[in-house]
Protein backbone atom coordinates (compact mmCIF):
# COMPACT_ATOMS: atom_id res chain seq x y z
CA MET A 1 187.01 104.77 70.73
CA ILE A 2 190.39 106.41 69.98
CA LYS A 3 191.52 107.16 66.40
CA ILE A 4 195.13 108.12 65.52
CA ASN A 5 196.06 109.33 61.98
CA LEU A 6 199.68 108.59 60.97
CA VAL A 7 201.30 110.29 57.95
CA ARG A 8 203.34 108.05 55.72
CA ILE A 9 206.44 109.53 54.02
CA GLY A 10 207.52 107.92 50.82
CA LYS A 11 210.90 107.80 49.06
CA GLY A 12 212.32 111.21 48.30
CA GLY A 13 210.33 112.70 51.20
CA SER A 14 207.03 112.72 49.45
CA LEU A 15 203.87 112.49 51.62
CA GLN A 16 201.59 109.55 51.14
CA SER A 17 198.00 108.97 52.27
CA PRO A 18 197.65 108.75 56.12
CA VAL A 19 197.03 105.50 58.01
CA THR A 20 194.38 105.48 60.73
CA LEU A 21 194.82 103.30 63.93
CA THR A 22 191.73 102.66 65.96
CA SER A 23 191.66 101.55 69.68
CA ASP A 24 188.42 100.54 71.46
CA SER A 25 188.79 101.32 75.22
CA GLY A 26 185.74 99.12 76.12
CA SER A 27 187.29 95.88 74.78
CA GLY A 28 190.44 93.87 75.24
CA ALA A 29 192.53 93.99 78.45
CA GLY A 30 190.39 96.67 80.10
CA PHE A 31 187.24 94.54 79.87
CA GLY A 32 188.97 91.48 81.36
CA SER A 33 190.26 93.46 84.35
CA ASP A 34 186.77 94.70 85.35
CA GLN A 35 185.30 91.22 85.10
CA VAL A 36 187.93 89.73 87.40
CA GLN A 37 187.41 92.54 89.89
CA LYS A 38 183.65 91.99 89.90
CA GLN A 39 184.07 88.25 90.39
CA GLY A 40 186.44 88.87 93.30
CA VAL A 41 184.01 91.21 95.00
CA LEU A 42 181.24 88.65 94.52
CA LYS A 43 183.37 85.89 96.09
CA ILE A 44 184.20 88.06 99.09
CA PHE A 45 180.54 88.95 99.49
CA LEU A 46 179.54 85.28 99.39
CA ILE A 47 182.25 84.34 101.91
CA LEU A 48 181.24 87.08 104.34
CA PHE A 49 177.48 87.01 104.02
CA GLY A 50 176.76 83.58 102.54
CA PRO A 51 176.25 81.76 105.90
CA THR A 52 174.04 84.57 107.14
CA LEU A 53 171.93 84.46 104.02
CA MET A 54 171.66 80.68 104.28
CA TRP A 55 170.61 80.92 107.94
CA VAL A 56 167.98 83.56 107.09
CA TYR A 57 166.70 81.37 104.29
CA PHE A 58 166.60 78.32 106.54
CA GLU A 59 164.77 80.25 109.27
CA ARG A 60 162.22 81.52 106.80
CA MET A 61 161.67 78.06 105.41
CA GLN A 62 161.64 76.18 108.74
CA ASN A 63 160.41 78.75 111.27
CA PRO A 64 156.71 77.75 111.16
CA ASP A 65 157.58 74.08 111.81
CA LEU A 66 159.97 75.02 114.62
CA LYS A 67 157.37 77.19 116.29
CA GLN A 68 154.85 74.37 116.13
CA GLN A 69 157.40 71.93 117.54
CA MET A 70 158.19 74.35 120.38
CA VAL A 71 154.49 74.69 121.18
CA THR A 72 154.10 70.91 121.21
CA LEU A 73 157.19 70.42 123.39
CA ASN A 74 156.05 73.10 125.84
CA GLY A 75 152.67 71.39 126.07
CA ASP A 76 154.32 68.01 126.71
CA LEU A 77 156.55 69.60 129.36
CA ALA A 78 153.57 71.17 131.14
CA GLN A 79 151.75 67.83 131.05
CA LEU A 80 154.77 66.03 132.51
CA GLN A 81 155.08 68.64 135.27
CA THR A 82 151.39 68.18 136.12
CA GLN A 83 151.77 64.40 136.19
CA ASN A 84 154.89 64.70 138.34
CA LYS A 85 153.06 66.96 140.80
CA LYS A 86 150.17 64.51 140.99
CA ALA A 87 152.61 61.64 141.49
CA ILE A 88 154.31 63.49 144.35
CA GLU A 89 150.94 64.22 145.93
CA ALA A 90 149.95 60.58 145.49
CA VAL A 91 153.18 59.40 147.13
CA ALA A 92 152.64 61.81 150.02
CA ALA A 93 149.04 60.65 150.40
CA THR A 94 150.13 57.00 150.29
CA LYS A 95 152.81 57.64 152.91
CA ASN A 96 150.30 59.47 155.10
CA PHE A 97 147.82 56.62 154.68
CA GLN A 98 150.48 54.05 155.58
CA GLU A 99 151.44 56.02 158.69
CA GLN A 100 147.80 56.30 159.73
CA GLN A 101 147.31 52.59 159.03
CA LYS A 102 150.36 51.74 161.14
CA SER A 103 149.14 53.95 163.97
CA LEU A 104 145.69 52.37 163.76
CA ARG A 105 147.16 48.87 163.85
CA GLU A 106 149.23 49.78 166.90
CA LYS A 107 146.12 51.10 168.65
CA ILE A 108 144.20 47.97 167.71
CA GLU A 109 147.02 45.82 169.07
CA VAL A 110 147.02 47.78 172.33
CA ILE A 111 143.25 47.42 172.63
CA GLU A 112 143.51 43.71 171.83
CA ARG A 113 146.19 43.23 174.48
CA LEU A 114 144.06 45.10 176.99
CA ARG A 115 141.05 43.04 176.01
CA ARG A 116 142.98 39.81 176.38
CA GLY A 117 144.44 41.07 179.64
CA ARG A 118 141.03 42.01 181.00
CA LEU A 119 139.59 38.69 179.87
CA LEU A 120 142.49 36.86 181.47
CA GLU A 121 142.04 38.81 184.70
CA VAL A 122 138.35 37.94 184.77
CA ARG A 123 139.16 34.24 184.29
CA ILE A 124 141.84 34.31 186.97
CA LEU A 125 139.49 36.01 189.41
CA ASP A 126 136.91 33.34 188.63
CA THR A 127 139.53 30.63 189.25
CA ILE A 128 140.57 32.22 192.55
CA GLN A 129 136.97 32.57 193.68
CA LYS A 130 136.25 28.93 192.94
CA GLY A 131 139.49 27.59 194.44
CA ILE A 132 139.93 29.67 197.58
CA PRO A 133 139.58 27.65 200.82
CA PRO A 134 136.97 28.76 203.37
CA LYS A 135 139.60 29.85 205.92
CA VAL A 136 141.63 32.02 203.49
CA TRP A 137 141.00 35.74 203.01
CA LEU A 138 142.59 37.90 200.30
CA SER A 139 143.72 41.46 200.98
CA ARG A 140 145.30 42.42 197.66
CA LEU A 141 145.73 41.32 194.03
CA ASP A 142 148.36 42.95 191.82
CA PHE A 143 148.56 42.28 188.06
CA LYS A 144 151.96 43.42 186.73
CA ASP A 145 152.54 42.53 183.09
CA VAL A 146 152.58 38.69 183.15
CA LYS A 147 152.95 38.45 186.91
CA LEU A 148 150.28 38.10 189.60
CA GLN A 149 150.89 38.75 193.29
CA ILE A 150 148.29 37.60 195.82
CA ASN A 151 148.38 38.84 199.42
CA GLY A 152 146.13 37.46 202.10
CA SER A 153 145.67 35.77 205.44
CA ALA A 154 144.81 32.24 206.57
CA ILE A 155 144.15 30.35 209.77
CA ASP A 156 147.16 28.09 209.29
CA SER A 157 149.84 27.11 206.77
CA ASN A 158 147.84 24.16 205.48
CA ASP A 159 145.18 26.50 204.13
CA VAL A 160 147.86 28.51 202.32
CA THR A 161 149.32 25.33 200.82
CA SER A 162 145.90 24.16 199.70
CA PHE A 163 145.20 27.51 198.06
CA GLU A 164 148.55 27.45 196.24
CA GLU A 165 147.78 23.98 194.88
CA GLN A 166 144.42 25.19 193.57
CA LEU A 167 146.15 28.05 191.73
CA ARG A 168 148.82 25.77 190.35
CA GLY A 169 146.09 23.63 188.78
CA SER A 170 144.77 26.57 186.70
CA VAL A 171 145.57 26.73 182.98
CA PHE A 172 145.87 30.51 183.30
CA MET A 173 148.77 30.42 185.76
CA LYS A 174 152.18 28.79 185.81
CA GLU A 175 155.18 28.78 188.14
CA THR A 176 152.91 29.41 191.13
CA LYS A 177 154.73 29.57 194.46
CA THR A 178 154.45 30.99 197.99
CA ILE A 179 157.21 33.55 198.44
CA ARG A 180 156.37 34.70 201.96
CA ILE A 181 154.43 33.39 204.95
CA SER A 182 154.49 34.76 208.48
CA GLU A 183 152.47 34.72 211.70
CA ALA A 184 149.82 37.38 212.09
CA ASN A 185 147.32 38.44 214.71
CA LEU A 186 143.88 37.89 213.20
CA GLY A 187 141.77 39.35 215.97
CA SER A 188 141.36 36.69 218.61
CA VAL A 189 143.25 34.12 216.53
CA VAL A 190 146.91 33.92 215.59
CA GLY A 191 147.03 33.04 211.91
CA LYS A 192 149.26 33.49 208.88
CA ASN A 193 149.89 36.30 206.39
CA PHE A 194 151.09 35.10 203.00
CA GLN A 195 152.13 36.24 199.56
CA ILE A 196 151.80 34.00 196.50
CA GLU A 197 153.28 34.85 193.11
CA ALA A 198 152.37 33.32 189.77
CA THR A 199 153.29 33.83 186.12
CA LEU A 200 150.28 34.29 183.83
CA GLU A 201 149.75 32.16 180.77
CA THR A 202 148.95 34.71 178.04
CA GLU A 203 148.71 32.24 175.13
CA ILE A 204 145.47 30.59 176.29
CA LYS A 205 142.77 31.04 173.63
CA SER A 206 139.20 31.74 174.54
CA SER A 207 136.90 28.72 174.72
CA GLY A 208 133.36 28.56 175.98
CA GLY A 209 132.68 26.89 179.30
CA ASN A 210 136.36 26.66 180.38
CA SER A 211 136.57 26.55 184.16
CA GLY A 212 140.28 27.36 184.21
CA THR A 213 141.28 24.05 185.79
CA LYS A 214 143.78 21.72 184.17
């Protein structure tokens, strides 16, 4: 507080009682200026550090829930990765099984074709044995896919023709024909060498007691 004593001078130059003026330095304009300055500093502080303080507050309030959520999500991710690995292994196993199944089927088909071929050969041999004339001798039989070539000898051409007709009457052969016949020295007899070719009928189903004759 500041006090100032002023002397009053009356008329004729006489001194009168002094007047005291008092000024309080902690009030008025000085007080208002400090308040504004403090408010400005506070605003700047809030602008600069307010978001950081809010983020810290949010982290403190939410951090436990976030950690739990992260743990749950990591667990779900690990479970999905395990399921995906198992699915990949299952697909690989299925593919391997399908490949093995295909290979097995192919082998079974080959065996079945061989079985049918062997069965067909047995039936054809039985047909030839039953239908061959007495004066015909066979020297070679060649099975090539669905073709059969028969080489042999006979006393004369009539025996060859008779043999061809017997083969043509079999249900196991079709398109039977003599493709070559020539004279041959059969010891003390001049006979014939021949070659007969036939196409095999592969669609004949097995049936008991079938003699092979149409």
